[in-house]
Protein backbone atom coordinates (compact mmCIF):
# COMPACT_ATOMS: atom_id res chain seq x y z
CA MET A 1 75.49 -140.63 -32.52
CA GLY A 2 78.33 -138.39 -33.73
CA PHE A 3 79.59 -134.84 -33.34
CA ASP A 4 79.84 -132.03 -35.89
CA PHE A 5 83.18 -130.71 -34.64
CA PRO A 6 86.72 -132.10 -34.62
CA LEU A 7 87.37 -134.49 -31.75
CA ARG A 8 90.48 -134.31 -29.62
CA LYS A 9 92.19 -136.61 -27.15
CA ILE A 10 92.29 -134.80 -23.81
CA ILE A 11 93.72 -136.10 -20.53
CA HIS A 12 93.01 -134.48 -17.17
CA VAL A 13 95.63 -135.52 -14.61
CA ASP A 14 94.89 -134.87 -10.94
CA MET A 15 97.34 -135.73 -8.16
CA ASP A 16 95.74 -137.64 -5.28
CA ALA A 17 95.41 -135.55 -2.08
CA PHE A 18 98.54 -133.77 -3.26
CA TYR A 19 99.74 -131.64 -0.31
CA ALA A 20 98.86 -134.34 2.24
CA SER A 21 100.42 -137.07 0.09
CA VAL A 22 103.69 -135.11 -0.17
CA GLU A 23 103.78 -134.82 3.62
CA GLN A 24 103.11 -138.54 4.05
CA TYR A 25 105.79 -139.44 1.52
CA ASP A 26 108.41 -137.16 3.11
CA ASN A 27 107.54 -138.36 6.61
CA PRO A 28 106.80 -142.13 6.57
CA GLU A 29 105.49 -141.89 10.16
CA LEU A 30 102.42 -140.12 8.72
CA LYS A 31 101.70 -142.94 6.26
CA GLY A 32 98.22 -144.38 6.71
CA LYS A 33 97.25 -141.73 9.28
CA PRO A 34 94.67 -138.92 9.03
CA VAL A 35 96.63 -135.81 8.03
CA ALA A 36 95.51 -132.24 7.45
CA VAL A 37 97.78 -129.62 5.90
CA GLY A 38 97.18 -126.28 7.61
CA GLY A 39 94.36 -125.64 10.05
CA GLY A 40 96.39 -126.27 13.20
CA SER A 41 95.60 -123.06 15.08
CA LYS A 42 92.32 -121.95 16.59
CA ARG A 43 91.68 -119.80 13.50
CA GLY A 44 93.30 -122.16 11.00
CA VAL A 45 91.73 -123.51 7.83
CA VAL A 46 92.49 -126.92 6.29
CA SER A 47 94.31 -126.59 2.94
CA ALA A 48 94.26 -130.31 2.15
CA ALA A 49 93.34 -133.60 3.78
CA SER A 50 94.65 -137.14 3.32
CA TYR A 51 92.22 -139.86 2.27
CA GLU A 52 92.40 -141.27 5.79
CA ALA A 53 91.16 -137.90 7.11
CA ARG A 54 88.48 -137.58 4.44
CA LYS A 55 86.82 -140.73 5.79
CA PHE A 56 85.96 -138.63 8.86
CA GLY A 57 84.50 -135.80 6.77
CA VAL A 58 87.62 -133.61 6.87
CA ARG A 59 87.75 -131.42 3.74
CA SER A 60 89.78 -128.53 2.38
CA ALA A 61 88.49 -125.05 3.36
CA MET A 62 87.09 -126.51 6.61
CA SER A 63 88.03 -124.79 9.85
CA GLY A 64 90.70 -126.59 11.87
CA TYR A 65 88.37 -126.63 14.87
CA ILE A 66 85.63 -128.52 13.00
CA ALA A 67 88.17 -130.84 11.38
CA GLN A 68 89.59 -131.77 14.80
CA ARG A 69 86.09 -132.31 16.16
CA ASN A 70 85.27 -134.64 13.25
CA CYS A 71 88.55 -136.52 13.61
CA PRO A 72 90.13 -136.33 17.11
CA GLU A 73 93.18 -138.26 15.88
CA LEU A 74 93.82 -135.76 13.08
CA ILE A 75 97.48 -134.72 12.65
CA PHE A 76 97.99 -131.12 11.52
CA VAL A 77 101.04 -130.31 9.40
CA LYS A 78 102.27 -126.87 8.39
CA PRO A 79 102.13 -126.30 4.61
CA ARG A 80 105.43 -126.25 2.69
CA PHE A 81 104.54 -124.61 -0.61
CA ASP A 82 108.13 -124.53 -1.86
CA ARG A 83 108.22 -128.32 -1.56
CA TYR A 84 104.84 -128.73 -3.28
CA LYS A 85 106.02 -126.50 -6.12
CA GLU A 86 109.22 -128.55 -6.46
CA VAL A 87 107.23 -131.81 -6.80
CA SER A 88 104.77 -130.12 -9.16
CA GLN A 89 107.63 -129.17 -11.48
CA GLN A 90 108.79 -132.81 -11.53
CA VAL A 91 105.28 -133.86 -12.52
CA ARG A 92 105.08 -131.27 -15.29
CA LYS A 93 108.37 -132.48 -16.77
CA VAL A 94 106.66 -135.84 -17.25
CA PHE A 95 103.75 -134.14 -19.06
CA PHE A 96 106.11 -132.37 -21.46
CA GLU A 97 107.66 -135.69 -22.44
CA TYR A 98 104.37 -136.37 -24.24
CA THR A 99 103.04 -132.99 -25.41
CA ASP A 100 103.69 -129.25 -25.27
CA LEU A 101 99.94 -128.65 -24.99
CA VAL A 102 99.81 -128.66 -21.19
CA GLU A 103 97.44 -126.37 -19.27
CA PRO A 104 98.13 -126.36 -15.51
CA LEU A 105 95.08 -125.55 -13.37
CA SER A 106 97.05 -125.55 -10.12
CA LEU A 107 100.11 -127.25 -8.65
CA ASP A 108 98.34 -130.61 -8.64
CA GLU A 109 96.28 -130.84 -11.83
CA ALA A 110 96.52 -130.12 -15.54
CA TYR A 111 94.95 -130.75 -18.93
CA LEU A 112 96.98 -132.36 -21.72
CA ASP A 113 96.04 -132.47 -25.39
CA VAL A 114 97.60 -135.65 -26.80
CA THR A 115 95.69 -135.76 -30.09
CA GLU A 116 99.12 -135.47 -31.65
CA ASN A 117 101.89 -136.37 -29.22
CA LYS A 118 105.67 -136.70 -29.06
CA LYS A 119 105.50 -140.47 -28.62
CA GLY A 120 103.35 -141.04 -31.70
CA ASN A 121 101.03 -143.14 -29.50
CA PRO A 122 97.45 -143.21 -30.87
CA SER A 123 95.99 -144.30 -27.52
CA ALA A 124 95.31 -141.52 -24.99
CA THR A 125 94.33 -144.23 -22.51
CA LEU A 126 97.77 -145.85 -22.67
CA ILE A 127 99.49 -142.45 -22.53
CA ALA A 128 97.59 -141.61 -19.33
CA LYS A 129 98.64 -144.95 -17.84
CA GLU A 130 102.29 -144.32 -18.73
CA ILE A 131 102.19 -140.80 -17.30
CA ARG A 132 100.72 -141.98 -14.00
CA GLN A 133 103.39 -144.69 -13.71
CA LYS A 134 106.21 -142.23 -14.45
CA ILE A 135 104.85 -139.80 -11.84
CA LEU A 136 104.86 -142.63 -9.30
CA ASP A 137 108.41 -143.65 -10.25
CA LYS A 138 109.81 -140.11 -10.05
CA THR A 139 107.91 -138.71 -7.05
CA GLY A 140 106.55 -141.69 -5.12
CA LEU A 141 103.05 -140.17 -5.44
CA THR A 142 99.93 -141.41 -7.19
CA ALA A 143 97.79 -139.55 -9.70
CA SER A 144 94.38 -140.16 -11.25
CA ALA A 145 93.33 -139.34 -14.80
CA GLY A 146 90.29 -138.81 -16.97
CA ILE A 147 90.44 -139.26 -20.73
CA SER A 148 87.90 -138.09 -23.30
CA ILE A 149 87.08 -135.83 -26.26
CA ASN A 150 87.13 -132.52 -24.36
CA LYS A 151 88.29 -130.87 -21.14
CA PHE A 152 84.90 -130.96 -19.42
CA ILE A 153 84.39 -134.73 -19.74
CA ALA A 154 88.05 -135.51 -18.98
CA LYS A 155 87.86 -133.54 -15.72
CA VAL A 156 84.63 -135.24 -14.65
CA ALA A 157 86.09 -138.65 -15.53
CA SER A 158 89.26 -138.11 -13.48
CA ASP A 159 87.19 -138.22 -10.28
CA TYR A 160 85.66 -141.61 -11.06
CA ASN A 161 88.40 -144.01 -9.99
CA LYS A 162 90.27 -141.94 -7.43
CA PRO A 163 92.71 -142.51 -5.90
CA ASN A 164 95.33 -143.99 -8.23
CA GLY A 165 92.99 -144.83 -11.11
CA GLN A 166 91.75 -143.59 -14.44
CA LYS A 167 88.63 -143.60 -16.58
CA THR A 168 88.25 -143.25 -20.33
CA VAL A 169 85.02 -142.00 -21.88
CA ASN A 170 85.23 -143.02 -25.53
CA PRO A 171 83.50 -140.89 -28.21
CA GLU A 172 80.67 -143.39 -28.67
CA GLU A 173 80.09 -143.44 -24.88
CA VAL A 174 80.00 -139.67 -24.34
CA ILE A 175 76.26 -139.04 -24.74
CA THR A 176 75.21 -141.96 -22.53
CA PHE A 177 77.84 -141.02 -19.96
CA LEU A 178 76.54 -137.44 -19.76
CA GLU A 179 72.87 -138.45 -19.71
CA ASP A 180 73.44 -140.82 -16.77
CA LEU A 181 75.65 -138.35 -14.86
CA ASP A 182 74.41 -137.03 -11.51
CA ILE A 183 74.03 -133.28 -11.88
CA ARG A 184 76.27 -132.76 -8.82
CA LYS A 185 79.16 -134.30 -10.76
CA PHE A 186 78.93 -131.74 -13.57
CA TYR A 187 82.02 -129.53 -13.37
CA GLY A 188 80.77 -125.99 -12.74
CA VAL A 189 77.64 -127.04 -10.81
CA GLY A 190 78.18 -126.13 -7.16
CA LYS A 191 76.02 -126.86 -4.14
CA VAL A 192 73.73 -123.83 -4.58
CA THR A 193 73.22 -124.46 -8.31
CA ALA A 194 72.58 -128.16 -7.71
CA GLU A 195 69.85 -127.32 -5.19
CA LYS A 196 68.27 -124.91 -7.68
CA MET A 197 68.37 -127.60 -10.36
CA TYR A 198 66.73 -130.11 -8.00
CA LYS A 199 63.84 -127.68 -7.49
CA LEU A 200 63.46 -127.48 -11.27
CA GLY A 201 63.36 -131.28 -11.55
CA ILE A 202 66.91 -131.62 -12.88
CA PHE A 203 68.73 -134.51 -11.21
CA THR A 204 70.74 -136.07 -14.06
CA GLY A 205 72.28 -135.06 -17.36
CA ASN A 206 69.26 -136.54 -19.12
CA ASP A 207 66.95 -134.24 -17.12
CA LEU A 208 69.16 -131.28 -18.03
CA LYS A 209 69.07 -132.25 -21.71
CA THR A 210 65.27 -131.98 -21.82
CA LYS A 211 65.44 -128.26 -20.96
CA SER A 212 65.52 -125.71 -23.75
CA LEU A 213 68.23 -123.09 -24.15
CA ASP A 214 65.65 -120.37 -23.37
CA PHE A 215 64.67 -122.17 -20.15
CA LEU A 216 68.29 -122.52 -19.03
CA ASP A 217 69.11 -118.92 -19.95
CA SER A 218 66.16 -117.57 -17.98
CA ASN A 219 66.99 -119.68 -14.90
CA PHE A 220 70.80 -119.67 -14.93
CA GLY A 221 71.78 -116.54 -16.89
CA LYS A 222 75.10 -116.75 -18.74
CA SER A 223 75.72 -120.26 -17.41
CA GLY A 224 72.59 -121.52 -19.17
CA ARG A 225 74.31 -121.86 -22.55
CA TYR A 226 77.25 -123.65 -20.91
CA TYR A 227 74.93 -126.26 -19.35
CA PHE A 228 73.02 -126.62 -22.64
CA ASN A 229 76.25 -127.33 -24.51
CA VAL A 230 78.21 -129.57 -22.15
CA VAL A 231 75.37 -132.05 -21.64
CA ARG A 232 75.48 -132.55 -25.42
CA GLY A 233 79.25 -133.14 -25.37
CA ILE A 234 80.00 -129.66 -26.70
CA HIS A 235 82.91 -127.97 -24.94
CA LEU A 236 85.28 -126.36 -27.42
CA SER A 237 87.77 -124.80 -25.02
CA ASP A 238 91.30 -125.54 -26.18
CA VAL A 239 94.09 -126.71 -23.91
CA LYS A 240 95.96 -123.45 -23.34
CA PRO A 241 99.67 -123.95 -22.60
CA HIS A 242 100.02 -120.39 -21.28
CA ARG A 243 96.90 -120.02 -19.20
CA ILE A 244 95.98 -116.37 -18.74
CA PRO A 245 94.47 -115.55 -15.32
CA LYS A 246 91.00 -114.00 -15.28
CA SER A 247 91.65 -112.27 -11.96
CA VAL A 248 94.45 -111.51 -9.51
CA GLY A 249 93.82 -111.22 -5.79
CA ALA A 250 95.18 -111.23 -2.25
CA GLU A 251 93.46 -111.95 1.07
CA ARG A 252 94.10 -112.29 4.79
CA THR A 253 92.50 -114.32 7.58
CA PHE A 254 92.74 -112.54 10.94
CA SER A 255 93.75 -114.02 14.29
CA GLU A 256 90.81 -112.20 15.92
CA ASN A 257 87.48 -111.21 14.38
CA LEU A 258 87.19 -107.55 13.38
CA SER A 259 83.93 -105.79 14.22
CA SER A 260 84.40 -102.26 12.85
CA GLU A 261 85.27 -100.88 9.40
CA VAL A 262 87.81 -98.58 11.07
CA PHE A 263 89.85 -101.55 12.30
CA MET A 264 89.78 -103.04 8.82
CA LEU A 265 91.34 -100.14 6.93
CA GLU A 266 94.90 -100.94 8.01
CA LYS A 267 94.40 -104.57 6.98
CA LEU A 268 92.98 -103.52 3.61
CA GLU A 269 95.97 -101.27 2.99
CA HIS A 270 98.35 -104.22 3.53
CA ILE A 271 96.25 -106.39 1.20
CA ALA A 272 96.21 -103.63 -1.45
CA ASN A 273 99.99 -103.38 -1.16
CA GLU A 274 100.38 -107.14 -1.72
CA LEU A 275 97.96 -107.03 -4.67
CA GLU A 276 99.94 -104.19 -6.28
CA ARG A 277 103.11 -106.26 -5.92
CA ARG A 278 101.51 -109.27 -7.64
CA LEU A 279 100.05 -107.16 -10.45
CA LYS A 280 103.33 -105.42 -11.21
CA LYS A 281 105.29 -108.66 -11.04
CA SER A 282 102.94 -110.14 -13.65
CA LYS A 283 102.65 -106.86 -15.61
CA ILE A 284 98.88 -107.00 -15.33
CA ALA A 285 96.25 -104.29 -14.77
CA GLY A 286 92.49 -104.53 -14.29
CA LYS A 287 89.27 -102.53 -14.21
CA THR A 288 86.89 -104.49 -11.98
CA ILE A 289 87.75 -104.51 -8.29
CA THR A 290 86.05 -106.89 -5.84
CA LEU A 291 86.08 -106.80 -2.06
CA LYS A 292 85.66 -110.22 -0.45
CA ILE A 293 84.31 -110.38 3.11
CA LYS A 294 84.06 -113.62 5.08
CA TYR A 295 82.15 -113.24 8.34
CA SER A 296 82.71 -115.07 11.62
CA ASP A 297 79.82 -117.43 10.77
CA PHE A 298 81.69 -118.29 7.51
CA THR A 299 79.12 -116.63 5.25
CA LEU A 300 80.76 -114.95 2.28
CA GLN A 301 79.94 -111.59 0.69
CA THR A 302 81.46 -109.84 -2.32
CA ARG A 303 81.10 -106.23 -3.43
CA SER A 304 82.36 -105.05 -6.82
CA LYS A 305 82.76 -101.96 -8.97
CA THR A 306 84.17 -101.42 -12.45
CA LEU A 307 86.36 -98.42 -13.19
CA PRO A 308 86.60 -96.74 -16.62
CA TYR A 309 90.37 -97.34 -16.69
CA PHE A 310 92.94 -100.01 -15.82
CA ILE A 311 94.68 -99.79 -12.45
CA THR A 312 97.66 -101.41 -10.72
CA GLU A 313 98.57 -98.80 -8.08
CA LYS A 314 98.06 -99.53 -4.41
CA ALA A 315 96.50 -96.12 -3.73
CA LEU A 316 93.72 -96.61 -6.32
CA ILE A 317 93.14 -100.20 -5.23
CA PHE A 318 92.89 -99.17 -1.58
CA ASP A 319 90.57 -96.21 -2.29
CA SER A 320 88.21 -98.44 -4.30
CA ALA A 321 88.25 -101.18 -1.64
CA LYS A 322 87.60 -98.61 1.07
CA GLU A 323 84.60 -97.30 -0.87
CA LEU A 324 83.24 -100.83 -1.23
CA LEU A 325 83.77 -101.51 2.48
CA TYR A 326 81.63 -98.52 3.43
CA GLN A 327 79.07 -99.27 0.72
CA GLN A 328 76.80 -101.08 3.14
CA GLN A 329 76.72 -102.10 6.79
CA LEU A 330 78.58 -105.20 7.90
CA GLN A 331 76.40 -108.22 8.68
CA ASN A 332 78.64 -109.61 11.43
CA SER A 333 82.20 -109.55 12.71
CA VAL A 334 84.77 -110.32 10.00
CA ARG A 335 87.39 -113.12 9.91
CA LEU A 336 88.76 -112.56 6.37
CA LEU A 337 89.16 -109.74 3.87
CA GLY A 338 90.31 -110.01 0.28
CA ILE A 339 90.73 -107.77 -2.74
CA SER A 340 90.83 -108.99 -6.33
CA LEU A 341 91.10 -107.31 -9.72
CA ALA A 342 89.36 -108.72 -12.82
CA ASN A 343 88.47 -107.47 -16.31
CA LEU A 344 92.22 -107.62 -16.95
CA ASN A 345 94.22 -106.15 -19.81
CA THR A 346 95.23 -109.72 -20.73
CA GLU A 347 91.73 -110.82 -21.76
CA LYS A 348 90.81 -111.43 -25.38
CA LYS A 349 87.44 -111.66 -27.08
CA LYS A 350 86.11 -115.19 -27.32
CA ALA A 351 85.80 -116.82 -30.70
CA PRO A 352 82.21 -117.50 -31.81
CA THR A 353 80.91 -120.97 -31.00
CA PRO A 354 78.90 -123.18 -33.35
CA LYS A 355 75.13 -122.90 -33.33
CA ASP A 356 73.70 -124.92 -30.48
CA ASN A 357 70.87 -126.45 -32.49
CA GLU A 358 72.93 -127.79 -35.38
CA PRO A 359 72.33 -131.53 -35.94
CA LEU A 360 74.84 -134.09 -34.74
CA LEU A 361 76.62 -135.87 -37.58
CA VAL A 362 77.90 -139.41 -38.03
CA GLN A 363 80.76 -140.31 -35.68
CA LEU A 364 84.11 -141.04 -37.30
CA LYS A 365 86.22 -143.87 -35.86
CA PHE A 366 88.53 -142.43 -33.23
CA ASP A 367 90.94 -144.72 -31.40
CA PHE A 368 91.12 -143.96 -27.69
């Protein structure tokens, strides 16, 4: 089976347990031991966990208390973001040796389009292998990679042989790969969505493929078309060298839970001030403001409103957040507040996508 759109050679590179690996590399005494970055205090949250810690169920975003309970021998290390950024820049220099089409997703992962590359190497698989070796030589850290015809499949594939491995999904293997894929491994399908899919009898890509676009639209809204497309190998998003953020935000976790809106106003004002600073630094404005509330039981709630005009000023951000805070009664005491601005003045209209029901054409030979 073939595809009726141009194929590309996309690599997704993902550093292995990046923050924790940097700490283990810089401090050899931590090598081979369960390490958690962050999360050391009573109210702390784990930012990253080494593979040794993950064996005990320690994960990022887990409370330090639960992490310590799961792994009594866990070693907590304070995050050093300046150091992580420094190593990340070394890694990106390696990427640019091969292509200028590099789209960073965070400090520790990026997409690369190597369809045409600076080395003139026709094999994306060999390029990925070279890149991983150069990263190891320059930083002492390992990376994993996924290689395929689009960003979606490359990202899914990069998880397959972690740590320190890679997986290539060749064009002729794409459909079978997606049909056999556990729905939980589909990028964009979280825990809640996976449970909903299970109830609808969708457990694999093949199950998903049997559902019509109308069925997926009615059950998953705007995401329905995305699921319909990706399971057929259709994901036309380009690698964007200058990735434009869809939202800008700031948040704070408190040392003690807050139980009254009155006590939260001062905190919200500080958050609004930080958000204004970030917006002005990036020369960005937005219309949709969202208040994020994380309760003491870790349940998360968001409240949003869209203004008829773009804003960046602290006063307008704070007033809108205050209105959202008082919009409805709190469900519990609060451990975290955040404010974000979306619907930014940087967004562009999306280009139309091909019709979803067009037939697949004969596959051209494509050396991976």
